Structures are given as C-alpha cells and as structure tokens.
Amino acid sequence: MNYKIPLVLAAQPEGGYSVTSPLLPELVTEGETVDEVLLHVRDALEAVVELYQDLGRPLPQNAIIHDSAAPIWFETVVTAP
C-alpha cells in the first residue's frame, strides 16, 4: 500500500532532526542527519498503520493512495554533499 503523508522536519537544538506529521500525530521519529531521519519515517509509518489497525481506527482517506498507477505529487528533501 502506498501512502501520501505530510511531514514536518525540524532541526533540534541539541543536534539532529525530528519528523512529525500533522495528519498522523502518532508519527514521530528522529535522526542525526536529514537522510537518517527520512529513512526512519518508513518504520514510523509502519508502526502507526499497525496501531490504527489494532485500534480498529481507519487511516485518513487522503493518506491512502488508491490508484498506484496515477501520478503522485510529492516533495522531498535532498541534501547536497
């Protein structure tokens, strides 16, 4: 299943980054670098999906990509060396 989730990337004062989602408040993760924290998003999303399933709670419909063949608008963070 594919999902489109808005993410908020924030630098932390002590170093590293955190990611949260206004659509899924339970999605929270962190990492030392932008690349690392974005890798952790998949694991965090899997945990949230499992939590929603365990609670019998549906994910927001606008989070689910129903037609995987349709074009998807997305933005991502790319860090240059």
C-alpha atoms as a PDB file:
ATOM      1  CA  MET A   1       0.000   0.000   0.000  1.00  0.00           C
ATOM      2  CA  ASN A   2       1.245   3.489  -0.785  1.00  0.00           C
ATOM      3  CA  TYR A   3       0.584   6.494   1.420  1.00  0.00           C
ATOM      4  CA  LYS A   4       0.968  10.246   0.963  1.00  0.00           C
ATOM      5  CA  ILE A   5       1.761  11.757   4.339  1.00  0.00           C
ATOM      6  CA  PRO A   6       2.637  15.397   5.047  1.00  0.00           C
ATOM      7  CA  LEU A   7       5.773  15.613   7.165  1.00  0.00           C
ATOM      8  CA  VAL A   8       7.320  18.386   9.236  1.00  0.00           C
ATOM      9  CA  LEU A   9      11.128  18.210   9.503  1.00  0.00           C
ATOM     10  CA  ALA A  10      12.590  20.214  12.398  1.00  0.00           C
ATOM     11  CA  ALA A  11      16.197  20.739  13.442  1.00  0.00           C
ATOM     12  CA  GLN A  12      16.677  20.095  17.159  1.00  0.00           C
ATOM     13  CA  PRO A  13      18.689  22.488  19.361  1.00  0.00           C
ATOM     14  CA  GLU A  14      20.819  19.638  20.706  1.00  0.00           C
ATOM     15  CA  GLY A  15      21.529  18.415  17.164  1.00  0.00           C
ATOM     16  CA  GLY A  16      19.802  16.086  14.799  1.00  0.00           C
ATOM     17  CA  TYR A  17      16.293  16.306  13.403  1.00  0.00           C
ATOM     18  CA  SER A  18      12.786  15.227  14.255  1.00  0.00           C
ATOM     19  CA  VAL A  19       9.871  14.459  11.947  1.00  0.00           C
ATOM     20  CA  THR A  20       6.188  14.688  12.815  1.00  0.00           C
ATOM     21  CA  SER A  21       3.017  14.625  10.741  1.00  0.00           C
ATOM     22  CA  PRO A  22       0.033  16.950  11.128  1.00  0.00           C
ATOM     23  CA  LEU A  23      -2.145  14.257   9.504  1.00  0.00           C
ATOM     24  CA  LEU A  24      -0.943  11.429  11.760  1.00  0.00           C
ATOM     25  CA  PRO A  25       0.058  12.911  15.139  1.00  0.00           C
ATOM     26  CA  GLU A  26       1.268   9.477  16.286  1.00  0.00           C
ATOM     27  CA  LEU A  27       4.010   9.532  13.631  1.00  0.00           C
ATOM     28  CA  VAL A  28       7.153  10.815  15.356  1.00  0.00           C
ATOM     29  CA  THR A  29      10.748   9.894  14.613  1.00  0.00           C
ATOM     30  CA  GLU A  30      14.223  11.390  14.761  1.00  0.00           C
ATOM     31  CA  GLY A  31      17.740  11.017  13.434  1.00  0.00           C
ATOM     32  CA  GLU A  32      21.153  12.607  13.417  1.00  0.00           C
ATOM     33  CA  THR A  33      21.014  13.644   9.757  1.00  0.00           C
ATOM     34  CA  VAL A  34      18.264  14.535   7.296  1.00  0.00           C
ATOM     35  CA  ASP A  35      18.942  11.323   5.369  1.00  0.00           C
ATOM     36  CA  GLU A  36      18.778   9.223   8.532  1.00  0.00           C
ATOM     37  CA  VAL A  37      15.545  10.740   9.811  1.00  0.00           C
ATOM     38  CA  LEU A  38      13.848  10.311   6.435  1.00  0.00           C
ATOM     39  CA  LEU A  39      14.862   6.637   6.447  1.00  0.00           C
ATOM     40  CA  HIS A  40      13.178   6.273   9.844  1.00  0.00           C
ATOM     41  CA  VAL A  41       9.889   7.672   8.517  1.00  0.00           C
ATOM     42  CA  ARG A  42       9.007   4.370   6.843  1.00  0.00           C
ATOM     43  CA  ASP A  43       9.405   2.462  10.118  1.00  0.00           C
ATOM     44  CA  ALA A  44       7.410   5.097  11.999  1.00  0.00           C
ATOM     45  CA  LEU A  45       4.618   4.959   9.418  1.00  0.00           C
ATOM     46  CA  GLU A  46       4.501   1.152   9.602  1.00  0.00           C
ATOM     47  CA  ALA A  47       4.105   1.417  13.387  1.00  0.00           C
ATOM     48  CA  VAL A  48       1.293   3.969  13.044  1.00  0.00           C
ATOM     49  CA  VAL A  49      -0.543   1.854  10.450  1.00  0.00           C
ATOM     50  CA  GLU A  50      -0.281  -1.156  12.784  1.00  0.00           C
ATOM     51  CA  LEU A  51      -1.519   0.937  15.719  1.00  0.00           C
ATOM     52  CA  TYR A  52      -4.540   2.143  13.746  1.00  0.00           C
ATOM     53  CA  GLN A  53      -5.325  -1.438  12.706  1.00  0.00           C
ATOM     54  CA  ASP A  54      -5.048  -2.669  16.309  1.00  0.00           C
ATOM     55  CA  LEU A  55      -7.419   0.097  17.452  1.00  0.00           C
ATOM     56  CA  GLY A  56      -9.843  -0.557  14.594  1.00  0.00           C
ATOM     57  CA  ARG A  57      -9.341   3.038  13.511  1.00  0.00           C
ATOM     58  CA  PRO A  58      -9.202   3.876   9.792  1.00  0.00           C
ATOM     59  CA  LEU A  59      -6.375   5.959   8.390  1.00  0.00           C
ATOM     60  CA  PRO A  60      -7.458   9.299   6.950  1.00  0.00           C
ATOM     61  CA  GLN A  61      -8.662   8.683   3.378  1.00  0.00           C
ATOM     62  CA  ASN A  62      -6.409  11.424   1.976  1.00  0.00           C
ATOM     63  CA  ALA A  63      -3.386   9.498   3.308  1.00  0.00           C
ATOM     64  CA  ILE A  64      -4.062   6.439   1.159  1.00  0.00           C
ATOM     65  CA  ILE A  65      -3.075   6.341  -2.498  1.00  0.00           C
ATOM     66  CA  HIS A  66      -5.778   4.209  -4.058  1.00  0.00           C
ATOM     67  CA  ASP A  67      -4.529   4.285  -7.669  1.00  0.00           C
ATOM     68  CA  SER A  68      -0.831   3.427  -7.675  1.00  0.00           C
ATOM     69  CA  ALA A  69      -0.696   3.979 -11.452  1.00  0.00           C
ATOM     70  CA  ALA A  70      -1.830   7.598 -11.205  1.00  0.00           C
ATOM     71  CA  PRO A  71       0.738  10.413 -11.000  1.00  0.00           C
ATOM     72  CA  ILE A  72       1.595  11.470  -7.456  1.00  0.00           C
ATOM     73  CA  TRP A  73       2.623  14.989  -6.450  1.00  0.00           C
ATOM     74  CA  PHE A  74       5.216  14.876  -3.704  1.00  0.00           C
ATOM     75  CA  GLU A  75       8.053  16.915  -2.294  1.00  0.00           C
ATOM     76  CA  THR A  76      11.173  15.583  -0.651  1.00  0.00           C
ATOM     77  CA  VAL A  77      14.333  16.832   0.970  1.00  0.00           C
ATOM     78  CA  VAL A  78      17.546  16.403  -0.985  1.00  0.00           C
ATOM     79  CA  THR A  79      20.830  17.226   0.682  1.00  0.00           C
ATOM     80  CA  ALA A  80      23.842  18.072  -1.421  1.00  0.00           C
ATOM     81  CA  PRO A  81      27.275  16.820  -0.351  1.00  0.00           C
END
